[in-house]
C-alpha cells in the first residue's frame, strides 16, 4: 500500500501543530489570575501611660477560625462570609495583630518593655496579656467591628470584653484596612490602661 502526502498536506499539518502549541502556551496565561494585592496593619500612636510593670509579655493572639485565611474577610453578616478573593494579608493575621500591638504598647508604656512571647526573647515578665479576637470585619451598617476578650495576669488579674467600631473612609480595601488599624489601636489603648491601673 502506498501513501502519498502532498506538499500542501505537510504544510497544513505543520501549521495545525504550531497553532495547537501556541494555544496550549496561551492557555495558562488566560486561566491564571493576577497576583493578589497584599495589605498590612499599621501601628497608630496613642496616649502614654505610667505605672505598668517593667516587663510585659503579649501572648500569641487567638483569632476566630473564620479569620484564619490569607484573603481579607470583608464581612460575616447575614449568615455568609464576604471574602476579598484577590486582596490578601501580607502575613498571618494573628501574627500581624500581635506584632502591631507590641509596637503600639511599647509606645503607650514608655517605662515598660513589651515583647511577644512567640519571638526570640524569653525573660520572666511582670505581667502577661492574652487576647481572644472574636470578630474583625464590617457590620451590617458598614462599620468595622472588632470584638475581643482581654486578660491581664500578674500580681493582679483583670479580664474584660471589648467592642470597637470604626467607620472606613470609603469602600476601598485600603480604607477597610485603615479602619482595622484604628480598631487595633483602640485595643492597644485599652490594654495599656489595664496594665497602668494595676
N, C-alpha and C. Protein backbone atom coordinates (compact mmCIF):
# COMPACT_ATOMS: atom_id res chain seq x y z
N UNK A 1 0.86 -1.18 0.00
CA UNK A 1 0.00 0.00 0.00
C UNK A 1 0.90 1.23 0.00
N UNK A 2 0.59 2.18 -0.83
CA UNK A 2 1.39 3.40 -0.95
C UNK A 2 0.58 4.59 -0.49
N UNK A 3 1.17 5.42 0.41
CA UNK A 3 0.51 6.64 0.88
C UNK A 3 1.23 7.82 0.27
N UNK A 4 0.48 8.67 -0.34
CA UNK A 4 1.06 9.86 -0.97
C UNK A 4 0.66 11.09 -0.16
N UNK A 5 1.66 11.85 0.28
CA UNK A 5 1.40 13.09 1.02
C UNK A 5 1.90 14.24 0.17
N UNK A 6 1.03 15.14 -0.13
CA UNK A 6 1.41 16.29 -0.95
C UNK A 6 2.06 17.35 -0.06
N UNK A 7 2.75 18.27 -0.74
CA UNK A 7 3.42 19.36 -0.01
C UNK A 7 2.42 20.20 0.75
N UNK A 8 1.25 20.42 0.18
CA UNK A 8 0.22 21.22 0.84
C UNK A 8 -0.27 20.56 2.11
N UNK A 9 -0.38 19.21 2.08
CA UNK A 9 -0.84 18.49 3.27
C UNK A 9 0.16 18.61 4.39
N UNK A 10 1.47 18.50 4.06
CA UNK A 10 2.52 18.63 5.08
C UNK A 10 2.47 20.02 5.70
N UNK A 11 2.30 21.03 4.85
CA UNK A 11 2.23 22.40 5.37
C UNK A 11 1.03 22.57 6.29
N UNK A 12 -0.12 21.99 5.91
CA UNK A 12 -1.33 22.11 6.74
C UNK A 12 -1.13 21.42 8.09
N UNK A 13 -0.49 20.24 8.10
CA UNK A 13 -0.25 19.52 9.35
C UNK A 13 0.69 20.32 10.24
N UNK A 14 1.78 20.86 9.63
CA UNK A 14 2.74 21.65 10.40
C UNK A 14 2.09 22.90 10.97
N UNK A 15 1.29 23.58 10.16
CA UNK A 15 0.60 24.78 10.62
C UNK A 15 -0.37 24.46 11.75
N UNK A 16 -1.09 23.34 11.64
CA UNK A 16 -2.04 22.94 12.69
C UNK A 16 -1.32 22.66 13.99
N UNK A 17 -0.16 22.00 13.89
CA UNK A 17 0.62 21.70 15.10
C UNK A 17 1.10 22.98 15.77
N UNK A 18 1.57 23.92 14.94
CA UNK A 18 2.06 25.18 15.51
C UNK A 18 0.93 25.94 16.20
N UNK A 19 -0.22 25.98 15.58
CA UNK A 19 -1.36 26.67 16.19
C UNK A 19 -1.79 25.99 17.48
N UNK A 20 -1.74 24.66 17.50
CA UNK A 20 -2.10 23.91 18.71
C UNK A 20 -1.12 24.21 19.84
N UNK A 21 0.18 24.27 19.52
CA UNK A 21 1.19 24.57 20.54
C UNK A 21 1.04 25.99 21.07
N UNK A 22 0.74 26.93 20.17
CA UNK A 22 0.53 28.31 20.61
C UNK A 22 -0.69 28.41 21.52
N UNK A 23 -1.72 27.65 21.19
CA UNK A 23 -2.93 27.64 22.01
C UNK A 23 -2.65 27.08 23.40
N UNK A 24 -1.86 26.00 23.48
CA UNK A 24 -1.50 25.42 24.77
C UNK A 24 -0.65 26.37 25.60
N UNK A 25 0.25 27.10 24.92
CA UNK A 25 1.10 28.04 25.64
C UNK A 25 0.29 29.20 26.18
N UNK A 26 -0.73 29.63 25.46
CA UNK A 26 -1.54 30.76 25.89
C UNK A 26 -2.57 30.37 26.94
N UNK A 27 -2.90 29.06 27.03
CA UNK A 27 -3.95 28.62 27.94
C UNK A 27 -3.67 28.96 29.40
N UNK A 28 -2.46 28.67 29.94
CA UNK A 28 -2.22 29.02 31.35
C UNK A 28 -2.29 30.51 31.62
N UNK A 29 -1.87 31.34 30.63
CA UNK A 29 -1.91 32.78 30.82
C UNK A 29 -3.35 33.26 30.89
N UNK A 30 -4.23 32.63 30.11
CA UNK A 30 -5.63 33.02 30.10
C UNK A 30 -6.33 32.60 31.39
N UNK A 31 -5.88 31.46 31.97
CA UNK A 31 -6.55 30.92 33.16
C UNK A 31 -5.97 31.46 34.46
N UNK A 32 -4.75 31.96 34.46
CA UNK A 32 -4.13 32.41 35.71
C UNK A 32 -4.70 33.76 36.12
N UNK A 33 -4.83 33.95 37.45
CA UNK A 33 -5.33 35.21 37.96
C UNK A 33 -4.14 36.12 38.26
N UNK A 34 -4.38 37.43 38.31
CA UNK A 34 -3.28 38.34 38.62
C UNK A 34 -2.79 38.13 40.05
N UNK A 35 -1.57 38.56 40.32
CA UNK A 35 -1.04 38.44 41.68
C UNK A 35 -1.92 39.21 42.65
N UNK A 36 -2.16 38.66 43.85
CA UNK A 36 -3.03 39.37 44.80
C UNK A 36 -2.37 40.63 45.33
N UNK A 37 -3.20 41.60 45.69
CA UNK A 37 -2.71 42.79 46.39
C UNK A 37 -2.54 42.42 47.86
N UNK A 38 -1.42 42.82 48.47
CA UNK A 38 -1.12 42.47 49.85
C UNK A 38 -1.26 43.69 50.75
N UNK A 39 -1.82 43.48 51.95
CA UNK A 39 -2.07 44.57 52.89
C UNK A 39 -1.51 44.22 54.27
N UNK A 40 -1.14 45.25 55.03
CA UNK A 40 -0.68 45.07 56.41
C UNK A 40 -1.31 46.14 57.29
N UNK A 41 -1.48 45.80 58.57
CA UNK A 41 -1.93 46.78 59.55
C UNK A 41 -0.80 47.75 59.85
N UNK A 42 -1.13 48.98 60.19
CA UNK A 42 -0.13 50.00 60.53
C UNK A 42 -0.30 50.41 61.99
N UNK A 43 0.79 50.50 62.77
CA UNK A 43 0.68 50.99 64.14
C UNK A 43 0.19 52.43 64.17
N UNK A 44 -0.65 52.74 65.16
CA UNK A 44 -1.20 54.09 65.32
C UNK A 44 -0.82 54.58 66.72
N UNK A 45 -0.15 55.74 66.83
CA UNK A 45 0.23 56.25 68.16
C UNK A 45 -0.99 56.55 69.03
N UNK A 46 -0.78 56.49 70.36
CA UNK A 46 -1.86 56.77 71.30
C UNK A 46 -1.33 57.44 72.55
N UNK A 47 -2.22 57.61 73.53
CA UNK A 47 -1.87 58.24 74.81
C UNK A 47 -0.87 57.38 75.57
N UNK A 48 0.10 58.01 76.22
CA UNK A 48 1.08 57.26 77.01
C UNK A 48 0.61 57.13 78.46
N UNK A 49 1.03 56.03 79.11
CA UNK A 49 0.65 55.72 80.48
C UNK A 49 1.91 55.41 81.29
N UNK A 50 1.79 55.59 82.60
CA UNK A 50 2.88 55.21 83.50
C UNK A 50 2.32 54.24 84.55
N UNK A 51 3.23 53.57 85.27
CA UNK A 51 2.81 52.68 86.35
C UNK A 51 2.61 51.25 85.94
N UNK A 52 2.88 50.89 84.71
CA UNK A 52 2.74 49.49 84.27
C UNK A 52 3.98 48.70 84.69
N UNK A 53 3.89 47.37 84.75
CA UNK A 53 5.06 46.56 85.07
C UNK A 53 6.21 46.83 84.11
N UNK A 54 7.42 46.59 84.57
CA UNK A 54 8.62 46.90 83.76
C UNK A 54 8.72 46.01 82.53
N UNK A 55 8.36 44.74 82.67
CA UNK A 55 8.44 43.79 81.55
C UNK A 55 7.08 43.14 81.37
N UNK A 56 6.57 43.17 80.14
CA UNK A 56 5.23 42.65 79.83
C UNK A 56 5.33 41.72 78.62
N UNK A 57 4.73 40.55 78.74
CA UNK A 57 4.71 39.59 77.63
C UNK A 57 3.32 39.55 77.02
N UNK A 58 3.25 39.73 75.71
CA UNK A 58 1.98 39.58 74.98
C UNK A 58 1.95 38.17 74.41
N UNK A 59 1.00 37.38 74.87
CA UNK A 59 0.86 36.02 74.36
C UNK A 59 0.38 36.05 72.91
N UNK A 60 0.55 34.93 72.22
CA UNK A 60 0.08 34.83 70.83
C UNK A 60 -1.42 35.13 70.79
N UNK A 61 -1.83 35.94 69.83
CA UNK A 61 -3.24 36.33 69.70
C UNK A 61 -4.04 35.14 69.18
N UNK A 62 -5.17 34.87 69.82
CA UNK A 62 -6.08 33.83 69.35
C UNK A 62 -7.18 34.49 68.53
N UNK A 63 -7.34 34.09 67.28
CA UNK A 63 -8.37 34.70 66.43
C UNK A 63 -9.42 33.67 66.04
N UNK A 64 -10.63 34.14 65.77
CA UNK A 64 -11.71 33.26 65.33
C UNK A 64 -11.28 32.51 64.07
N UNK A 65 -11.67 31.25 63.96
CA UNK A 65 -11.20 30.42 62.83
C UNK A 65 -11.59 30.99 61.47
N UNK A 66 -12.73 31.69 61.39
CA UNK A 66 -13.14 32.20 60.07
C UNK A 66 -12.19 33.27 59.54
N UNK A 67 -11.37 33.85 60.43
CA UNK A 67 -10.40 34.86 60.03
C UNK A 67 -9.05 34.26 59.66
N UNK A 68 -8.87 32.96 59.88
CA UNK A 68 -7.57 32.31 59.63
C UNK A 68 -7.42 31.96 58.15
N UNK A 69 -7.21 32.95 57.33
CA UNK A 69 -7.06 32.75 55.89
C UNK A 69 -6.21 33.88 55.33
N UNK A 70 -5.64 33.65 54.17
CA UNK A 70 -4.85 34.70 53.52
C UNK A 70 -5.73 35.85 53.05
N UNK A 71 -6.91 35.52 52.52
CA UNK A 71 -7.79 36.56 51.99
C UNK A 71 -8.40 37.39 53.11
N UNK A 72 -8.59 38.67 52.85
CA UNK A 72 -9.21 39.56 53.83
C UNK A 72 -10.71 39.29 53.87
N UNK A 73 -11.25 39.07 55.06
CA UNK A 73 -12.69 38.89 55.24
C UNK A 73 -13.33 40.27 55.34
N UNK A 74 -14.18 40.58 54.40
CA UNK A 74 -14.83 41.90 54.41
C UNK A 74 -15.97 41.95 55.40
N UNK A 75 -16.82 40.90 55.42
CA UNK A 75 -17.96 40.88 56.33
C UNK A 75 -18.42 39.45 56.58
N UNK A 76 -19.06 39.25 57.73
CA UNK A 76 -19.66 37.94 58.04
C UNK A 76 -21.13 38.12 58.41
N UNK A 77 -21.73 39.20 57.93
CA UNK A 77 -23.14 39.47 58.21
C UNK A 77 -24.06 38.60 57.35
N UNK A 78 -25.30 38.43 57.81
CA UNK A 78 -26.32 37.74 57.02
C UNK A 78 -26.03 36.28 56.77
N UNK A 79 -25.36 35.62 57.70
CA UNK A 79 -25.08 34.18 57.63
C UNK A 79 -24.16 33.78 56.48
N UNK A 80 -23.42 34.74 55.92
CA UNK A 80 -22.48 34.40 54.85
C UNK A 80 -21.22 35.24 54.98
N UNK A 81 -20.12 34.69 54.47
CA UNK A 81 -18.85 35.40 54.50
C UNK A 81 -18.58 36.07 53.17
N UNK A 82 -18.21 37.34 53.24
CA UNK A 82 -17.81 38.10 52.05
C UNK A 82 -16.29 38.22 52.12
N UNK A 83 -15.60 37.44 51.28
CA UNK A 83 -14.14 37.37 51.30
C UNK A 83 -13.58 38.05 50.06
N UNK A 84 -12.56 38.89 50.24
CA UNK A 84 -11.92 39.57 49.11
C UNK A 84 -10.90 38.62 48.49
N UNK A 85 -11.30 37.96 47.41
CA UNK A 85 -10.54 36.83 46.87
C UNK A 85 -9.13 37.19 46.44
N UNK A 86 -8.92 38.38 45.89
CA UNK A 86 -7.60 38.72 45.36
C UNK A 86 -6.92 39.83 46.17
N UNK A 87 -7.37 40.03 47.41
CA UNK A 87 -6.76 41.03 48.30
C UNK A 87 -6.46 40.32 49.61
N UNK A 88 -5.16 40.11 49.86
CA UNK A 88 -4.70 39.22 50.93
C UNK A 88 -3.95 40.00 52.00
N UNK A 89 -3.84 39.36 53.18
CA UNK A 89 -2.95 39.86 54.21
C UNK A 89 -1.51 39.54 53.84
N UNK A 90 -0.60 40.43 54.19
CA UNK A 90 0.82 40.23 53.89
C UNK A 90 1.48 39.22 54.81
N UNK A 91 0.83 38.86 55.92
CA UNK A 91 1.32 37.85 56.85
C UNK A 91 0.11 37.31 57.60
N UNK A 92 0.24 36.19 58.30
CA UNK A 92 -0.92 35.67 59.04
C UNK A 92 -1.50 36.73 59.97
N UNK A 93 -2.83 36.82 60.02
CA UNK A 93 -3.49 37.90 60.74
C UNK A 93 -3.16 37.89 62.23
N UNK A 94 -3.13 36.72 62.86
CA UNK A 94 -2.83 36.68 64.29
C UNK A 94 -1.43 37.19 64.58
N UNK A 95 -0.46 36.81 63.75
CA UNK A 95 0.92 37.28 63.91
C UNK A 95 1.00 38.79 63.69
N UNK A 96 0.29 39.29 62.69
CA UNK A 96 0.35 40.72 62.37
C UNK A 96 -0.29 41.57 63.47
N UNK A 97 -1.41 41.12 64.02
CA UNK A 97 -2.04 41.86 65.11
C UNK A 97 -1.11 41.88 66.32
N UNK A 98 -0.50 40.73 66.64
CA UNK A 98 0.43 40.68 67.76
C UNK A 98 1.62 41.60 67.57
N UNK A 99 2.20 41.60 66.37
CA UNK A 99 3.35 42.47 66.08
C UNK A 99 2.96 43.94 66.19
N UNK A 100 1.79 44.29 65.68
CA UNK A 100 1.32 45.67 65.73
C UNK A 100 1.06 46.10 67.18
N UNK A 101 0.44 45.23 67.97
CA UNK A 101 0.15 45.56 69.36
C UNK A 101 1.43 45.74 70.18
N UNK A 102 2.44 44.92 69.92
CA UNK A 102 3.71 45.08 70.63
C UNK A 102 4.28 46.48 70.37
N UNK A 103 4.26 46.91 69.11
CA UNK A 103 4.77 48.25 68.79
C UNK A 103 3.93 49.34 69.46
N UNK A 104 2.62 49.19 69.42
CA UNK A 104 1.74 50.21 70.00
C UNK A 104 1.85 50.24 71.52
N UNK A 105 1.97 49.09 72.17
CA UNK A 105 2.09 49.07 73.63
C UNK A 105 3.43 49.63 74.09
N UNK A 106 4.49 49.37 73.36
CA UNK A 106 5.78 49.96 73.72
C UNK A 106 5.73 51.49 73.62
N UNK A 107 4.99 52.01 72.66
CA UNK A 107 4.84 53.46 72.54
C UNK A 107 3.98 54.02 73.67
N UNK A 108 2.92 53.31 74.05
CA UNK A 108 2.00 53.79 75.07
C UNK A 108 2.53 53.61 76.50
N UNK A 109 3.46 52.69 76.69
CA UNK A 109 4.01 52.39 78.02
C UNK A 109 5.52 52.62 77.99
N UNK A 110 5.97 53.88 77.95
CA UNK A 110 7.40 54.17 77.78
C UNK A 110 8.28 53.67 78.92
N UNK A 111 7.70 53.40 80.09
CA UNK A 111 8.50 52.88 81.20
C UNK A 111 8.57 51.37 81.22
N UNK A 112 8.00 50.72 80.21
CA UNK A 112 7.93 49.25 80.17
C UNK A 112 8.55 48.72 78.88
N UNK A 113 8.89 47.46 78.91
CA UNK A 113 9.31 46.74 77.70
C UNK A 113 8.28 45.67 77.43
N UNK A 114 7.65 45.75 76.26
CA UNK A 114 6.62 44.78 75.87
C UNK A 114 7.18 43.93 74.75
N UNK A 115 7.08 42.62 74.90
CA UNK A 115 7.56 41.73 73.85
C UNK A 115 6.53 40.64 73.59
N UNK A 116 6.56 40.08 72.39
CA UNK A 116 5.69 38.96 72.05
C UNK A 116 6.35 37.67 72.47
N UNK A 117 5.62 36.81 73.17
CA UNK A 117 6.25 35.61 73.69
C UNK A 117 6.52 34.55 72.63
N UNK A 118 6.08 34.81 71.38
CA UNK A 118 6.38 33.87 70.30
C UNK A 118 7.71 34.21 69.61
N UNK A 119 8.36 35.29 70.06
CA UNK A 119 9.64 35.69 69.46
C UNK A 119 10.82 35.05 70.16
N UNK A 120 12.00 35.63 69.95
CA UNK A 120 13.25 35.06 70.47
C UNK A 120 13.50 35.43 71.93
N UNK A 121 12.83 36.46 72.45
CA UNK A 121 13.08 36.90 73.83
C UNK A 121 12.36 35.98 74.80
N UNK A 122 13.06 35.55 75.83
CA UNK A 122 12.45 34.74 76.88
C UNK A 122 12.98 35.22 78.23
N UNK A 123 12.25 36.11 78.85
CA UNK A 123 12.60 36.61 80.18
C UNK A 123 11.34 36.61 81.03
N UNK A 124 11.48 36.54 82.32
CA UNK A 124 10.31 36.46 83.19
C UNK A 124 9.59 37.81 83.22
N UNK A 125 8.32 37.85 82.77
CA UNK A 125 7.60 39.13 82.73
C UNK A 125 6.95 39.44 84.07
N UNK A 126 6.71 40.73 84.29
CA UNK A 126 5.94 41.14 85.45
C UNK A 126 4.45 41.00 85.23
N UNK A 127 4.04 40.91 83.96
CA UNK A 127 2.63 40.72 83.61
C UNK A 127 2.55 40.07 82.23
N UNK A 128 1.49 39.33 82.00
CA UNK A 128 1.22 38.76 80.68
C UNK A 128 -0.15 39.24 80.21
N UNK A 129 -0.28 39.38 78.90
CA UNK A 129 -1.54 39.81 78.29
C UNK A 129 -1.97 38.74 77.31
N UNK A 130 -3.24 38.33 77.40
CA UNK A 130 -3.82 37.37 76.47
C UNK A 130 -5.04 38.00 75.81
N UNK A 131 -5.18 37.77 74.51
CA UNK A 131 -6.30 38.37 73.76
C UNK A 131 -6.94 37.32 72.87
N UNK A 132 -8.26 37.21 72.96
CA UNK A 132 -9.06 36.43 72.02
C UNK A 132 -9.78 37.40 71.10
N UNK A 133 -9.53 37.29 69.80
CA UNK A 133 -10.22 38.14 68.82
C UNK A 133 -11.39 37.35 68.26
N UNK A 134 -12.61 37.79 68.54
CA UNK A 134 -13.81 37.04 68.16
C UNK A 134 -14.45 37.52 66.87
N UNK A 135 -14.25 38.80 66.56
CA UNK A 135 -14.78 39.32 65.29
C UNK A 135 -13.91 40.48 64.84
N UNK A 136 -13.76 40.60 63.49
CA UNK A 136 -12.90 41.64 62.92
C UNK A 136 -13.30 41.84 61.46
N UNK A 137 -14.48 42.44 61.22
CA UNK A 137 -14.97 42.67 59.85
C UNK A 137 -16.09 43.69 59.90
N UNK A 138 -16.68 43.98 58.74
CA UNK A 138 -17.72 45.01 58.66
C UNK A 138 -19.04 44.49 59.22
N UNK A 139 -19.74 45.36 59.97
CA UNK A 139 -21.08 45.01 60.46
C UNK A 139 -22.12 45.39 59.41
N UNK A 140 -23.39 45.22 59.75
CA UNK A 140 -24.45 45.47 58.77
C UNK A 140 -24.57 46.94 58.37
N UNK A 141 -24.03 47.83 59.20
CA UNK A 141 -24.09 49.26 58.89
C UNK A 141 -22.84 49.76 58.15
N UNK A 142 -21.92 48.85 57.84
CA UNK A 142 -20.72 49.24 57.09
C UNK A 142 -19.58 49.75 57.93
N UNK A 143 -19.67 49.58 59.26
CA UNK A 143 -18.57 49.98 60.15
C UNK A 143 -17.74 48.75 60.48
N UNK A 144 -16.43 48.94 60.64
CA UNK A 144 -15.55 47.86 61.06
C UNK A 144 -15.85 47.55 62.52
N UNK A 145 -16.12 46.29 62.82
CA UNK A 145 -16.44 45.87 64.18
C UNK A 145 -15.36 44.92 64.68
N UNK A 146 -14.73 45.30 65.80
CA UNK A 146 -13.79 44.41 66.48
C UNK A 146 -14.40 44.01 67.83
N UNK A 147 -14.48 42.70 68.05
CA UNK A 147 -14.96 42.18 69.33
C UNK A 147 -13.85 41.29 69.89
N UNK A 148 -13.43 41.56 71.13
CA UNK A 148 -12.30 40.82 71.70
C UNK A 148 -12.47 40.65 73.20
N UNK A 149 -11.71 39.71 73.75
CA UNK A 149 -11.60 39.50 75.18
C UNK A 149 -10.14 39.72 75.57
N UNK A 150 -9.93 40.39 76.71
CA UNK A 150 -8.57 40.70 77.18
C UNK A 150 -8.41 40.14 78.58
N UNK A 151 -7.29 39.49 78.84
CA UNK A 151 -6.95 39.04 80.19
C UNK A 151 -5.54 39.49 80.50
N UNK A 152 -5.36 40.13 81.65
CA UNK A 152 -4.05 40.57 82.12
C UNK A 152 -3.74 39.80 83.39
N UNK A 153 -2.59 39.17 83.44
CA UNK A 153 -2.24 38.33 84.59
C UNK A 153 -0.87 38.75 85.12
N UNK A 154 -0.79 38.89 86.43
CA UNK A 154 0.46 39.26 87.09
C UNK A 154 0.22 39.28 88.57
N UNK A 155 0.67 40.33 89.26
CA UNK A 155 0.38 40.44 90.68
C UNK A 155 -1.12 40.63 90.92
N UNK A 156 -1.80 41.23 89.95
CA UNK A 156 -3.26 41.37 89.98
C UNK A 156 -3.79 40.87 88.65
N UNK A 157 -4.95 40.19 88.67
CA UNK A 157 -5.54 39.66 87.45
C UNK A 157 -6.76 40.49 87.07
N UNK A 158 -6.88 40.79 85.78
CA UNK A 158 -8.05 41.54 85.29
C UNK A 158 -8.45 40.96 83.94
N UNK A 159 -9.74 40.98 83.68
CA UNK A 159 -10.25 40.50 82.39
C UNK A 159 -11.47 41.31 82.01
N UNK A 160 -11.64 41.53 80.71
CA UNK A 160 -12.81 42.26 80.23
C UNK A 160 -13.04 41.98 78.75
N UNK A 161 -14.27 42.17 78.34
CA UNK A 161 -14.62 42.10 76.93
C UNK A 161 -14.72 43.50 76.36
N UNK A 162 -14.35 43.67 75.10
CA UNK A 162 -14.39 44.98 74.47
C UNK A 162 -15.01 44.87 73.08
N UNK A 163 -15.55 45.98 72.62
CA UNK A 163 -16.11 46.07 71.27
C UNK A 163 -15.83 47.46 70.74
N UNK A 164 -15.23 47.54 69.55
CA UNK A 164 -14.89 48.82 68.94
C UNK A 164 -15.49 48.89 67.53
N UNK A 165 -16.00 50.06 67.17
CA UNK A 165 -16.50 50.30 65.82
C UNK A 165 -15.73 51.46 65.20
N UNK A 166 -15.24 51.25 64.00
CA UNK A 166 -14.53 52.31 63.26
C UNK A 166 -15.09 52.32 61.84
N UNK A 167 -15.56 53.47 61.39
CA UNK A 167 -16.13 53.54 60.03
C UNK A 167 -15.03 53.82 59.01
N UNK A 168 -14.88 52.96 57.99
CA UNK A 168 -13.89 53.22 56.94
C UNK A 168 -14.19 54.52 56.20
N UNK A 169 -13.15 55.16 55.70
CA UNK A 169 -13.31 56.44 55.00
C UNK A 169 -14.09 56.28 53.70
N UNK A 170 -13.97 55.11 53.05
CA UNK A 170 -14.70 54.84 51.81
C UNK A 170 -14.81 53.33 51.65
N UNK A 171 -15.23 52.90 50.47
CA UNK A 171 -15.48 51.47 50.25
C UNK A 171 -14.28 50.67 49.76
N UNK A 172 -13.09 51.26 49.73
CA UNK A 172 -11.92 50.55 49.23
C UNK A 172 -11.34 49.63 50.31
N UNK A 173 -10.56 48.66 49.85
CA UNK A 173 -9.89 47.75 50.79
C UNK A 173 -8.88 48.50 51.65
N UNK A 174 -8.19 49.47 51.07
CA UNK A 174 -7.24 50.27 51.84
C UNK A 174 -7.92 50.98 53.00
N UNK A 175 -9.13 51.51 52.76
CA UNK A 175 -9.88 52.18 53.84
C UNK A 175 -10.32 51.18 54.89
N UNK A 176 -10.70 49.97 54.47
CA UNK A 176 -11.07 48.91 55.42
C UNK A 176 -9.88 48.56 56.32
N UNK A 177 -8.71 48.39 55.72
CA UNK A 177 -7.51 48.05 56.49
C UNK A 177 -7.13 49.22 57.41
N UNK A 178 -7.34 50.45 56.95
CA UNK A 178 -7.11 51.61 57.80
C UNK A 178 -8.02 51.59 59.03
N UNK A 179 -9.29 51.24 58.83
CA UNK A 179 -10.22 51.14 59.95
C UNK A 179 -9.81 50.01 60.89
N UNK A 180 -9.31 48.90 60.34
CA UNK A 180 -8.82 47.79 61.17
C UNK A 180 -7.62 48.23 62.00
N UNK A 181 -6.75 49.04 61.41
CA UNK A 181 -5.60 49.57 62.14
C UNK A 181 -6.09 50.46 63.28
N UNK A 182 -7.13 51.28 63.02
CA UNK A 182 -7.69 52.13 64.05
C UNK A 182 -8.28 51.34 65.21
N UNK A 183 -8.99 50.25 64.89
CA UNK A 183 -9.57 49.41 65.95
C UNK A 183 -8.47 48.72 66.76
N UNK A 184 -7.42 48.29 66.09
CA UNK A 184 -6.29 47.67 66.80
C UNK A 184 -5.64 48.66 67.75
N UNK A 185 -5.56 49.93 67.34
CA UNK A 185 -5.02 50.97 68.20
C UNK A 185 -5.91 51.19 69.43
N UNK A 186 -7.22 51.13 69.25
CA UNK A 186 -8.14 51.24 70.40
C UNK A 186 -7.95 50.06 71.35
N UNK A 187 -7.71 48.89 70.79
CA UNK A 187 -7.42 47.72 71.63
C UNK A 187 -6.14 47.95 72.43
N UNK A 188 -5.12 48.50 71.79
CA UNK A 188 -3.86 48.81 72.48
C UNK A 188 -4.09 49.84 73.59
N UNK A 189 -4.93 50.85 73.34
CA UNK A 189 -5.24 51.84 74.37
C UNK A 189 -5.86 51.17 75.60
N UNK A 190 -6.78 50.26 75.37
CA UNK A 190 -7.46 49.57 76.47
C UNK A 190 -6.49 48.71 77.27
N UNK A 191 -5.66 47.94 76.55
CA UNK A 191 -4.69 47.08 77.23
C UNK A 191 -3.71 47.92 78.04
N UNK A 192 -3.22 49.01 77.47
CA UNK A 192 -2.27 49.88 78.17
C UNK A 192 -2.92 50.45 79.44
N UNK A 193 -4.18 50.86 79.35
CA UNK A 193 -4.88 51.37 80.52
C UNK A 193 -5.04 50.32 81.60
N UNK A 194 -5.35 49.08 81.21
CA UNK A 194 -5.48 47.99 82.18
C UNK A 194 -4.15 47.72 82.88
N UNK A 195 -3.06 47.76 82.14
CA UNK A 195 -1.74 47.50 82.73
C UNK A 195 -1.31 48.64 83.65
N UNK A 196 -1.62 49.87 83.26
CA UNK A 196 -1.18 51.02 84.03
C UNK A 196 -1.95 51.17 85.33
N UNK A 197 -3.18 50.65 85.40
CA UNK A 197 -4.01 50.80 86.60
C UNK A 197 -3.78 49.68 87.60
N UNK A 198 -2.85 48.78 87.32
CA UNK A 198 -2.63 47.65 88.21
C UNK A 198 -2.03 48.08 89.53
